[in-house]
Each structure stands twice: as structure tokens, then as C-alpha cells.
PDB file of all heavy atoms in Angstrom:
ATOM      1  N   ASP A   1      58.659-119.615 -66.196  1.00  0.00           N
ATOM      2  CA  ASP A   1      59.871-118.737 -66.086  1.00  0.00           C
ATOM      3  C   ASP A   1      60.611-118.549 -67.449  1.00  0.00           C
ATOM      4  O   ASP A   1      61.265-117.522 -67.678  1.00  0.00           O
ATOM      5  CB  ASP A   1      60.867-119.203 -65.059  1.00  0.00           C
ATOM      6  CG  ASP A   1      60.354-118.997 -63.656  1.00  0.00           C
ATOM      7  OD1 ASP A   1      59.414-118.141 -63.450  1.00  0.00           O
ATOM      8  OD2 ASP A   1      60.857-119.693 -62.787  1.00  0.00           O
ATOM      9  N   GLN A   2      60.502-119.543 -68.354  1.00  0.00           N
ATOM     10  CA  GLN A   2      61.176-119.398 -69.667  1.00  0.00           C
ATOM     11  C   GLN A   2      60.387-118.519 -70.616  1.00  0.00           C
ATOM     12  O   GLN A   2      60.924-118.229 -71.671  1.00  0.00           O
ATOM     13  CB  GLN A   2      61.329-120.824 -70.238  1.00  0.00           C
ATOM     14  CG  GLN A   2      62.437-121.658 -69.709  1.00  0.00           C
ATOM     15  CD  GLN A   2      62.200-122.112 -68.252  1.00  0.00           C
ATOM     16  OE1 GLN A   2      61.119-122.674 -67.943  1.00  0.00           O
ATOM     17  NE2 GLN A   2      63.123-121.855 -67.336  1.00  0.00           N
ATOM     18  N   SER A   3      59.169-118.180 -70.272  1.00  0.00           N
ATOM     19  CA  SER A   3      58.366-117.337 -71.189  1.00  0.00           C
ATOM     20  C   SER A   3      58.605-115.822 -70.904  1.00  0.00           C
ATOM     21  O   SER A   3      57.989-115.030 -71.593  1.00  0.00           O
ATOM     22  CB  SER A   3      56.930-117.668 -71.079  1.00  0.00           C
ATOM     23  OG  SER A   3      56.415-117.412 -69.740  1.00  0.00           O
ATOM     24  N   VAL A   4      59.482-115.526 -69.979  1.00  0.00           N
ATOM     25  CA  VAL A   4      59.900-114.143 -69.716  1.00  0.00           C
ATOM     26  C   VAL A   4      61.300-113.948 -70.304  1.00  0.00           C
ATOM     27  O   VAL A   4      62.215-114.529 -69.790  1.00  0.00           O
ATOM     28  CB  VAL A   4      59.838-113.839 -68.191  1.00  0.00           C
ATOM     29  CG1 VAL A   4      60.365-112.367 -67.935  1.00  0.00           C
ATOM     30  CG2 VAL A   4      58.507-114.134 -67.642  1.00  0.00           C
ATOM     31  N   ILE A   5      61.382-113.145 -71.378  1.00  0.00           N
ATOM     32  CA  ILE A   5      62.663-113.051 -72.045  1.00  0.00           C
ATOM     33  C   ILE A   5      63.162-111.604 -71.947  1.00  0.00           C
ATOM     34  O   ILE A   5      62.471-110.703 -72.357  1.00  0.00           O
ATOM     35  CB  ILE A   5      62.469-113.433 -73.538  1.00  0.00           C
ATOM     36  CG1 ILE A   5      61.932-114.905 -73.643  1.00  0.00           C
ATOM     37  CG2 ILE A   5      63.763-113.257 -74.301  1.00  0.00           C
ATOM     38  CD1 ILE A   5      61.313-115.179 -74.986  1.00  0.00           C
ATOM     39  N   ALA A   6      64.352-111.478 -71.376  1.00  0.00           N
ATOM     40  CA  ALA A   6      65.021-110.166 -71.285  1.00  0.00           C
ATOM     41  C   ALA A   6      65.880-110.065 -72.581  1.00  0.00           C
ATOM     42  O   ALA A   6      66.679-110.934 -72.852  1.00  0.00           O
ATOM     43  CB  ALA A   6      65.827-110.085 -70.039  1.00  0.00           C
ATOM     44  N   THR A   7      65.677-109.000 -73.302  1.00  0.00           N
ATOM     45  CA  THR A   7      66.531-108.784 -74.482  1.00  0.00           C
ATOM     46  C   THR A   7      67.875-108.260 -73.978  1.00  0.00           C
ATOM     47  O   THR A   7      68.064-107.826 -72.886  1.00  0.00           O
ATOM     48  CB  THR A   7      65.920-107.770 -75.457  1.00  0.00           C
ATOM     49  OG1 THR A   7      65.692-106.553 -74.720  1.00  0.00           O
ATOM     50  CG2 THR A   7      64.565-108.276 -75.977  1.00  0.00           C
ATOM     51  N   SER A   8      68.888-108.330 -74.883  1.00  0.00           N
ATOM     52  CA  SER A   8      70.142-107.799 -74.600  1.00  0.00           C
ATOM     53  C   SER A   8      70.122-106.346 -74.316  1.00  0.00           C
ATOM     54  O   SER A   8      69.315-105.631 -74.907  1.00  0.00           O
ATOM     55  CB  SER A   8      71.193-108.118 -75.653  1.00  0.00           C
ATOM     56  OG  SER A   8      70.842-107.399 -76.849  1.00  0.00           O
ATOM     57  N   TYR A   9      70.890-105.899 -73.389  1.00  0.00           N
ATOM     58  CA  TYR A   9      70.860-104.450 -72.937  1.00  0.00           C
ATOM     59  C   TYR A   9      71.278-103.546 -74.124  1.00  0.00           C
ATOM     60  O   TYR A   9      70.704-102.485 -74.238  1.00  0.00           O
ATOM     61  CB  TYR A   9      71.771-104.184 -71.760  1.00  0.00           C
ATOM     62  CG  TYR A   9      71.639-102.860 -71.161  1.00  0.00           C
ATOM     63  CD1 TYR A   9      70.398-102.486 -70.614  1.00  0.00           C
ATOM     64  CD2 TYR A   9      72.654-101.945 -71.160  1.00  0.00           C
ATOM     65  CE1 TYR A   9      70.212-101.200 -70.033  1.00  0.00           C
ATOM     66  CE2 TYR A   9      72.554-100.690 -70.612  1.00  0.00           C
ATOM     67  CZ  TYR A   9      71.338-100.264 -70.082  1.00  0.00           C
ATOM     68  OH  TYR A   9      71.136 -99.023 -69.540  1.00  0.00           O
ATOM     69  N   VAL A  10      72.182-103.942 -74.912  1.00  0.00           N
ATOM     70  CA  VAL A  10      72.584-103.137 -76.084  1.00  0.00           C
ATOM     71  C   VAL A  10      72.101-103.761 -77.329  1.00  0.00           C
ATOM     72  O   VAL A  10      72.028-104.990 -77.508  1.00  0.00           O
ATOM     73  CB  VAL A  10      74.160-103.129 -76.146  1.00  0.00           C
ATOM     74  CG1 VAL A  10      74.637-102.349 -77.387  1.00  0.00           C
ATOM     75  CG2 VAL A  10      74.773-102.579 -74.859  1.00  0.00           C
ATOM     76  N   GLY A  11      71.546-102.941 -78.239  1.00  0.00           N
ATOM     77  CA  GLY A  11      71.025-103.395 -79.494  1.00  0.00           C
ATOM     78  C   GLY A  11      69.682-104.133 -79.353  1.00  0.00           C
ATOM     79  O   GLY A  11      69.451-105.048 -80.124  1.00  0.00           O
ATOM     80  N   ASP A  12      68.860-103.661 -78.454  1.00  0.00           N
ATOM     81  CA  ASP A  12      67.622-104.346 -78.241  1.00  0.00           C
ATOM     82  C   ASP A  12      66.485-103.858 -79.187  1.00  0.00           C
ATOM     83  O   ASP A  12      65.374-104.302 -79.078  1.00  0.00           O
ATOM     84  CB  ASP A  12      67.158-104.294 -76.753  1.00  0.00           C
ATOM     85  CG  ASP A  12      66.947-102.846 -76.324  1.00  0.00           C
ATOM     86  OD1 ASP A  12      66.819-101.899 -77.110  1.00  0.00           O
ATOM     87  OD2 ASP A  12      66.826-102.618 -75.074  1.00  0.00           O
ATOM     88  N   GLU A  13      66.795-102.959 -80.064  1.00  0.00           N
ATOM     89  CA  GLU A  13      65.840-102.397 -81.050  1.00  0.00           C
ATOM     90  C   GLU A  13      64.588-101.875 -80.362  1.00  0.00           C
ATOM     91  O   GLU A  13      63.528-101.827 -80.872  1.00  0.00           O
ATOM     92  CB  GLU A  13      65.432-103.455 -82.037  1.00  0.00           C
ATOM     93  CG  GLU A  13      66.613-103.928 -82.855  1.00  0.00           C
ATOM     94  CD  GLU A  13      66.185-105.037 -83.891  1.00  0.00           C
ATOM     95  OE1 GLU A  13      64.968-105.213 -84.102  1.00  0.00           O
ATOM     96  OE2 GLU A  13      67.067-105.654 -84.448  1.00  0.00           O
ATOM     97  N   GLY A  14      64.771-101.249 -79.194  1.00  0.00           N
ATOM     98  CA  GLY A  14      63.667-100.612 -78.429  1.00  0.00           C
ATOM     99  C   GLY A  14      62.792-101.508 -77.624  1.00  0.00           C
ATOM    100  O   GLY A  14      61.751-101.061 -77.101  1.00  0.00           O
ATOM    101  N   ILE A  15      63.161-102.747 -77.541  1.00  0.00           N
ATOM    102  CA  ILE A  15      62.353-103.672 -76.784  1.00  0.00           C
ATOM    103  C   ILE A  15      63.251-104.247 -75.656  1.00  0.00           C
ATOM    104  O   ILE A  15      64.330-104.757 -75.859  1.00  0.00           O
ATOM    105  CB  ILE A  15      61.936-104.943 -77.685  1.00  0.00           C
ATOM    106  CG1 ILE A  15      61.108-104.445 -78.886  1.00  0.00           C
ATOM    107  CG2 ILE A  15      61.111-105.955 -76.812  1.00  0.00           C
ATOM    108  CD1 ILE A  15      59.839-103.848 -78.618  1.00  0.00           C
ATOM    109  N   ASP A  16      62.817-104.005 -74.417  1.00  0.00           N
ATOM    110  CA  ASP A  16      63.555-104.484 -73.238  1.00  0.00           C
ATOM    111  C   ASP A  16      63.278-105.946 -72.805  1.00  0.00           C
ATOM    112  O   ASP A  16      64.046-106.544 -72.153  1.00  0.00           O
ATOM    113  CB  ASP A  16      63.380-103.537 -72.081  1.00  0.00           C
ATOM    114  CG  ASP A  16      63.977-102.157 -72.402  1.00  0.00           C
ATOM    115  OD1 ASP A  16      64.967-102.113 -73.080  1.00  0.00           O
ATOM    116  OD2 ASP A  16      63.347-101.141 -71.864  1.00  0.00           O
ATOM    117  N   GLY A  17      62.074-106.359 -73.157  1.00  0.00           N
ATOM    118  CA  GLY A  17      61.663-107.703 -72.696  1.00  0.00           C
ATOM    119  C   GLY A  17      60.464-108.187 -73.552  1.00  0.00           C
ATOM    120  O   GLY A  17      59.677-107.369 -74.123  1.00  0.00           O
ATOM    121  N   ILE A  18      60.279-109.507 -73.531  1.00  0.00           N
ATOM    122  CA  ILE A  18      59.172-110.079 -74.221  1.00  0.00           C
ATOM    123  C   ILE A  18      58.543-111.096 -73.287  1.00  0.00           C
ATOM    124  O   ILE A  18      59.147-111.914 -72.677  1.00  0.00           O
ATOM    125  CB  ILE A  18      59.606-110.744 -75.583  1.00  0.00           C
ATOM    126  CG1 ILE A  18      60.353-109.778 -76.438  1.00  0.00           C
ATOM    127  CG2 ILE A  18      58.451-111.482 -76.248  1.00  0.00           C
ATOM    128  CD1 ILE A  18      61.061-110.459 -77.608  1.00  0.00           C
ATOM    129  N   ILE A  19      57.268-111.027 -73.217  1.00  0.00           N
ATOM    130  CA  ILE A  19      56.487-112.027 -72.369  1.00  0.00           C
ATOM    131  C   ILE A  19      55.696-112.886 -73.359  1.00  0.00           C
ATOM    132  O   ILE A  19      54.878-112.422 -74.111  1.00  0.00           O
ATOM    133  CB  ILE A  19      55.497-111.298 -71.360  1.00  0.00           C
ATOM    134  CG1 ILE A  19      56.143-110.299 -70.529  1.00  0.00           C
ATOM    135  CG2 ILE A  19      54.697-112.321 -70.612  1.00  0.00           C
ATOM    136  CD1 ILE A  19      57.127-110.833 -69.494  1.00  0.00           C
ATOM    137  N   LYS A  20      56.031-114.194 -73.344  1.00  0.00           N
ATOM    138  CA  LYS A  20      55.281-115.097 -74.190  1.00  0.00           C
ATOM    139  C   LYS A  20      54.046-115.569 -73.406  1.00  0.00           C
ATOM    140  O   LYS A  20      54.208-116.073 -72.315  1.00  0.00           O
ATOM    141  CB  LYS A  20      56.138-116.344 -74.510  1.00  0.00           C
ATOM    142  CG  LYS A  20      57.423-116.033 -75.283  1.00  0.00           C
ATOM    143  CD  LYS A  20      57.126-115.730 -76.663  1.00  0.00           C
ATOM    144  CE  LYS A  20      58.393-115.544 -77.464  1.00  0.00           C
ATOM    145  NZ  LYS A  20      58.203-115.133 -78.785  1.00  0.00           N
ATOM    146  N   GLU A  21      52.846-115.267 -73.921  1.00  0.00           N
ATOM    147  CA  GLU A  21      51.633-115.541 -73.146  1.00  0.00           C
ATOM    148  C   GLU A  21      51.132-116.993 -73.335  1.00  0.00           C
ATOM    149  O   GLU A  21      50.287-117.448 -72.603  1.00  0.00           O
ATOM    150  CB  GLU A  21      50.530-114.643 -73.565  1.00  0.00           C
ATOM    151  CG  GLU A  21      50.741-113.167 -73.204  1.00  0.00           C
ATOM    152  CD  GLU A  21      49.591-112.336 -73.530  1.00  0.00           C
ATOM    153  OE1 GLU A  21      49.367-112.012 -74.721  1.00  0.00           O
ATOM    154  OE2 GLU A  21      48.848-111.943 -72.626  1.00  0.00           O
ATOM    155  N   ASP A  22      51.639-117.733 -74.343  1.00  0.00           N
ATOM    156  CA  ASP A  22      51.310-119.109 -74.513  1.00  0.00           C
ATOM    157  C   ASP A  22      52.497-119.890 -74.986  1.00  0.00           C
ATOM    158  O   ASP A  22      53.530-119.365 -75.390  1.00  0.00           O
ATOM    159  CB  ASP A  22      50.143-119.188 -75.457  1.00  0.00           C
ATOM    160  CG  ASP A  22      50.462-118.708 -76.870  1.00  0.00           C
ATOM    161  OD1 ASP A  22      51.201-119.407 -77.631  1.00  0.00           O
ATOM    162  OD2 ASP A  22      50.119-117.560 -77.167  1.00  0.00           O
ATOM    163  N   LYS A  23      52.368-121.197 -74.861  1.00  0.00           N
ATOM    164  CA  LYS A  23      53.569-122.095 -75.111  1.00  0.00           C
ATOM    165  C   LYS A  23      53.975-122.066 -76.624  1.00  0.00           C
ATOM    166  O   LYS A  23      55.153-122.337 -76.866  1.00  0.00           O
ATOM    167  CB  LYS A  23      53.272-123.450 -74.675  1.00  0.00           C
ATOM    168  CG  LYS A  23      53.188-123.623 -73.237  1.00  0.00           C
ATOM    169  CD  LYS A  23      52.961-124.988 -72.738  1.00  0.00           C
ATOM    170  CE  LYS A  23      52.824-125.008 -71.233  1.00  0.00           C
ATOM    171  NZ  LYS A  23      53.030-126.248 -70.638  1.00  0.00           N
ATOM    172  N   PHE A  24      53.001-121.792 -77.476  1.00  0.00           N
ATOM    173  CA  PHE A  24      53.426-121.763 -78.887  1.00  0.00           C
ATOM    174  C   PHE A  24      53.929-120.390 -79.378  1.00  0.00           C
ATOM    175  O   PHE A  24      54.404-120.316 -80.553  1.00  0.00           O
ATOM    176  CB  PHE A  24      52.210-122.168 -79.729  1.00  0.00           C
ATOM    177  CG  PHE A  24      51.771-123.608 -79.579  1.00  0.00           C
ATOM    178  CD1 PHE A  24      50.620-123.989 -78.939  1.00  0.00           C
ATOM    179  CD2 PHE A  24      52.662-124.665 -79.935  1.00  0.00           C
ATOM    180  CE1 PHE A  24      50.215-125.246 -78.703  1.00  0.00           C
ATOM    181  CE2 PHE A  24      52.395-125.989 -79.666  1.00  0.00           C
ATOM    182  CZ  PHE A  24      51.149-126.299 -79.113  1.00  0.00           C
ATOM    183  N   GLY A  25      53.778-119.379 -78.592  1.00  0.00           N
ATOM    184  CA  GLY A  25      54.176-118.092 -79.007  1.00  0.00           C
ATOM    185  C   GLY A  25      53.283-117.302 -79.856  1.00  0.00           C
ATOM    186  O   GLY A  25      53.668-116.374 -80.583  1.00  0.00           O
ATOM    187  N   PHE A  26      52.032-117.701 -79.848  1.00  0.00           N
ATOM    188  CA  PHE A  26      50.958-116.944 -80.686  1.00  0.00           C
ATOM    189  C   PHE A  26      50.786-115.520 -80.135  1.00  0.00           C
ATOM    190  O   PHE A  26      50.556-114.582 -80.929  1.00  0.00           O
ATOM    191  CB  PHE A  26      49.651-117.695 -80.607  1.00  0.00           C
ATOM    192  CG  PHE A  26      49.568-118.919 -81.418  1.00  0.00           C
ATOM    193  CD1 PHE A  26      49.343-120.136 -80.813  1.00  0.00           C
ATOM    194  CD2 PHE A  26      49.784-118.886 -82.809  1.00  0.00           C
ATOM    195  CE1 PHE A  26      49.337-121.312 -81.561  1.00  0.00           C
ATOM    196  CE2 PHE A  26      49.782-120.034 -83.543  1.00  0.00           C
ATOM    197  CZ  PHE A  26      49.457-121.234 -82.907  1.00  0.00           C
ATOM    198  N   ASN A  27      50.876-115.346 -78.822  1.00  0.00           N
ATOM    199  CA  ASN A  27      50.685-114.042 -78.269  1.00  0.00           C
ATOM    200  C   ASN A  27      51.882-113.646 -77.426  1.00  0.00           C
ATOM    201  O   ASN A  27      52.355-114.385 -76.573  1.00  0.00           O
ATOM    202  CB  ASN A  27      49.468-114.033 -77.352  1.00  0.00           C
ATOM    203  CG  ASN A  27      48.131-114.169 -78.079  1.00  0.00           C
ATOM    204  OD1 ASN A  27      47.914-113.460 -79.037  1.00  0.00           O
ATOM    205  ND2 ASN A  27      47.336-115.140 -77.679  1.00  0.00           N
ATOM    206  N   SER A  28      52.361-112.427 -77.693  1.00  0.00           N
ATOM    207  CA  SER A  28      53.530-111.924 -76.965  1.00  0.00           C
ATOM    208  C   SER A  28      53.178-110.451 -76.564  1.00  0.00           C
ATOM    209  O   SER A  28      52.575-109.730 -77.307  1.00  0.00           O
ATOM    210  CB  SER A  28      54.784-111.933 -77.792  1.00  0.00           C
ATOM    211  OG  SER A  28      55.134-113.291 -78.087  1.00  0.00           O
ATOM    212  N   ILE A  29      53.793-110.072 -75.453  1.00  0.00           N
ATOM    213  CA  ILE A  29      53.755-108.663 -74.988  1.00  0.00           C
ATOM    214  C   ILE A  29      55.129-108.108 -75.090  1.00  0.00           C
ATOM    215  O   ILE A  29      56.042-108.692 -74.529  1.00  0.00           O
ATOM    216  CB  ILE A  29      53.178-108.576 -73.559  1.00  0.00           C
ATOM    217  CG1 ILE A  29      51.784-109.195 -73.431  1.00  0.00           C
ATOM    218  CG2 ILE A  29      53.201-107.100 -73.107  1.00  0.00           C
ATOM    219  CD1 ILE A  29      51.320-109.283 -72.011  1.00  0.00           C
ATOM    220  N   TYR A  30      55.284-107.037 -75.805  1.00  0.00           N
ATOM    221  CA  TYR A  30      56.607-106.431 -75.907  1.00  0.00           C
ATOM    222  C   TYR A  30      56.701-105.294 -74.865  1.00  0.00           C
ATOM    223  O   TYR A  30      55.796-104.558 -74.751  1.00  0.00           O
ATOM    224  CB  TYR A  30      56.870-105.881 -77.345  1.00  0.00           C
ATOM    225  CG  TYR A  30      56.908-107.005 -78.340  1.00  0.00           C
ATOM    226  CD1 TYR A  30      55.735-107.552 -78.889  1.00  0.00           C
ATOM    227  CD2 TYR A  30      58.133-107.672 -78.554  1.00  0.00           C
ATOM    228  CE1 TYR A  30      55.799-108.655 -79.732  1.00  0.00           C
ATOM    229  CE2 TYR A  30      58.189-108.729 -79.455  1.00  0.00           C
ATOM    230  CZ  TYR A  30      57.012-109.200 -80.030  1.00  0.00           C
ATOM    231  OH  TYR A  30      57.082-110.298 -80.905  1.00  0.00           O
ATOM    232  N   VAL A  31      57.867-105.220 -74.169  1.00  0.00           N
ATOM    233  CA  VAL A  31      57.969-104.399 -73.041  1.00  0.00           C
ATOM    234  C   VAL A  31      59.114-103.434 -73.202  1.00  0.00           C
ATOM    235  O   VAL A  31      60.168-103.750 -73.629  1.00  0.00           O
ATOM    236  CB  VAL A  31      58.244-105.233 -71.748  1.00  0.00           C
ATOM    237  CG1 VAL A  31      58.333-104.348 -70.503  1.00  0.00           C
ATOM    238  CG2 VAL A  31      57.131-106.278 -71.523  1.00  0.00           C
ATOM    239  N   GLN A  32      58.850-102.147 -72.802  1.00  0.00           N
ATOM    240  CA  GLN A  32      59.868-101.083 -72.748  1.00  0.00           C
ATOM    241  C   GLN A  32      59.863-100.565 -71.235  1.00  0.00           C
ATOM    242  O   GLN A  32      58.821-100.321 -70.708  1.00  0.00           O
ATOM    243  CB  GLN A  32      59.539 -99.981 -73.652  1.00  0.00           C
ATOM    244  CG  GLN A  32      60.448 -98.779 -73.625  1.00  0.00           C
ATOM    245  CD  GLN A  32      61.829 -99.104 -74.090  1.00  0.00           C
ATOM    246  OE1 GLN A  32      62.745 -99.403 -73.291  1.00  0.00           O
ATOM    247  NE2 GLN A  32      62.041 -99.104 -75.421  1.00  0.00           N
ATOM    248  N   ALA A  33      61.025-100.494 -70.696  1.00  0.00           N
ATOM    249  CA  ALA A  33      61.146-100.075 -69.281  1.00  0.00           C
ATOM    250  C   ALA A  33      62.126 -98.859 -69.253  1.00  0.00           C
ATOM    251  O   ALA A  33      63.276 -98.991 -69.666  1.00  0.00           O
ATOM    252  CB  ALA A  33      61.685-101.195 -68.423  1.00  0.00           C
ATOM    253  N   LYS A  34      61.609 -97.696 -68.849  1.00  0.00           N
ATOM    254  CA  LYS A  34      62.485 -96.503 -68.744  1.00  0.00           C
ATOM    255  C   LYS A  34      62.534 -96.073 -67.299  1.00  0.00           C
ATOM    256  O   LYS A  34      61.508 -95.642 -66.751  1.00  0.00           O
ATOM    257  CB  LYS A  34      61.856 -95.375 -69.641  1.00  0.00           C
ATOM    258  CG  LYS A  34      61.916 -95.630 -71.050  1.00  0.00           C
ATOM    259  CD  LYS A  34      63.287 -95.536 -71.652  1.00  0.00           C
ATOM    260  CE  LYS A  34      63.316 -95.595 -73.131  1.00  0.00           C
ATOM    261  NZ  LYS A  34      64.612 -95.881 -73.629  1.00  0.00           N
ATOM    262  N   ARG A  35      63.695 -96.076 -66.747  1.00  0.00           N
ATOM    263  CA  ARG A  35      64.022 -95.626 -65.400  1.00  0.00           C
ATOM    264  C   ARG A  35      64.456 -94.135 -65.582  1.00  0.00           C
ATOM    265  O   ARG A  35      65.607 -93.853 -65.587  1.00  0.00           O
ATOM    266  CB  ARG A  35      65.117 -96.464 -64.806  1.00  0.00           C
ATOM    267  CG  ARG A  35      65.406 -96.179 -63.334  1.00  0.00           C
ATOM    268  CD  ARG A  35      66.696 -96.856 -62.932  1.00  0.00           C
ATOM    269  NE  ARG A  35      67.771 -96.398 -63.659  1.00  0.00           N
ATOM    270  CZ  ARG A  35      68.697 -95.479 -63.287  1.00  0.00           C
ATOM    271  NH1 ARG A  35      68.628 -94.928 -62.117  1.00  0.00           N
ATOM    272  NH2 ARG A  35      69.698 -95.142 -64.124  1.00  0.00           N
ATOM    273  N   TRP A  36      63.413 -93.326 -65.601  1.00  0.00           N
ATOM    274  CA  TRP A  36      63.713 -91.895 -65.878  1.00  0.00           C
ATOM    275  C   TRP A  36      63.144 -90.974 -64.754  1.00  0.00           C
ATOM    276  O   TRP A  36      62.263 -91.358 -64.008  1.00  0.00           O
ATOM    277  CB  TRP A  36      62.976 -91.425 -67.177  1.00  0.00           C
ATOM    278  CG  TRP A  36      63.652 -91.855 -68.430  1.00  0.00           C
ATOM    279  CD1 TRP A  36      64.825 -92.593 -68.516  1.00  0.00           C
ATOM    280  CD2 TRP A  36      63.265 -91.595 -69.769  1.00  0.00           C
ATOM    281  NE1 TRP A  36      65.127 -92.786 -69.857  1.00  0.00           N
ATOM    282  CE2 TRP A  36      64.162 -92.126 -70.604  1.00  0.00           C
ATOM    283  CE3 TRP A  36      62.188 -90.863 -70.266  1.00  0.00           C
ATOM    284  CZ2 TRP A  36      64.065 -92.070 -71.967  1.00  0.00           C
ATOM    285  CZ3 TRP A  36      62.064 -90.793 -71.636  1.00  0.00           C
ATOM    286  CH2 TRP A  36      62.996 -91.417 -72.482  1.00  0.00           C
ATOM    287  N   ASN A  37      63.782 -89.777 -64.691  1.00  0.00           N
ATOM    288  CA  ASN A  37      63.258 -88.750 -63.700  1.00  0.00           C
ATOM    289  C   ASN A  37      62.375 -87.778 -64.487  1.00  0.00           C
ATOM    290  O   ASN A  37      61.714 -86.994 -63.883  1.00  0.00           O
ATOM    291  CB  ASN A  37      64.396 -88.002 -63.105  1.00  0.00           C
ATOM    292  CG  ASN A  37      65.043 -88.838 -61.972  1.00  0.00           C
ATOM    293  OD1 ASN A  37      64.358 -89.471 -61.211  1.00  0.00           O
ATOM    294  ND2 ASN A  37      66.406 -88.748 -61.912  1.00  0.00           N
ATOM    295  N   TRP A  38      62.507 -87.753 -65.847  1.00  0.00           N
ATOM    296  CA  TRP A  38      61.762 -86.777 -66.573  1.00  0.00           C
ATOM    297  C   TRP A  38      60.597 -87.421 -67.273  1.00  0.00           C
ATOM    298  O   TRP A  38      60.533 -88.587 -67.449  1.00  0.00           O
ATOM    299  CB  TRP A  38      62.661 -86.084 -67.591  1.00  0.00           C
ATOM    300  CG  TRP A  38      63.374 -86.951 -68.565  1.00  0.00           C
ATOM    301  CD1 TRP A  38      62.943 -87.330 -69.744  1.00  0.00           C
ATOM    302  CD2 TRP A  38      64.619 -87.630 -68.356  1.00  0.00           C
ATOM    303  NE1 TRP A  38      63.840 -88.228 -70.358  1.00  0.00           N
ATOM    304  CE2 TRP A  38      64.905 -88.449 -69.462  1.00  0.00           C
ATOM    305  CE3 TRP A  38      65.578 -87.574 -67.307  1.00  0.00           C
ATOM    306  CZ2 TRP A  38      66.035 -89.150 -69.613  1.00  0.00           C
ATOM    307  CZ3 TRP A  38      66.712 -88.329 -67.475  1.00  0.00           C
ATOM    308  CH2 TRP A  38      66.960 -89.142 -68.587  1.00  0.00           C
ATOM    309  N   THR A  39      59.634 -86.626 -67.737  1.00  0.00           N
ATOM    310  CA  THR A  39      58.357 -87.050 -68.323  1.00  0.00           C
ATOM    311  C   THR A  39      58.556 -87.685 -69.641  1.00  0.00           C
ATOM    312  O   THR A  39      59.394 -87.175 -70.464  1.00  0.00           O
ATOM    313  CB  THR A  39      57.387 -85.902 -68.407  1.00  0.00           C
ATOM    314  OG1 THR A  39      57.280 -85.255 -67.138  1.00  0.00           O
ATOM    315  CG2 THR A  39      56.063 -86.317 -68.908  1.00  0.00           C
TER     316      THR A  39
END
């Protein structure tokens, strides 16, 4: 559960979350989530 990091809502520099795939942090997935009605 600690490897799922939600960035702050304001000033997140375009990254909404980070998933640490390993304990040392060698691999991370950067996440953007857009709750939009338009394409």
C-alpha cells in the first residue's frame, strides 16, 4: 500500500500518481487521470 503514491492535487506537475513497482524504486509508473467528457 505504501508503493501507491498520490501526488498533491495542486502543483502535481502533470503527474497524478506514482506506482513504485519494487521496494528500491528502480521502476515506477507515472499516472495521469482525467475525468473528462470530451476526447
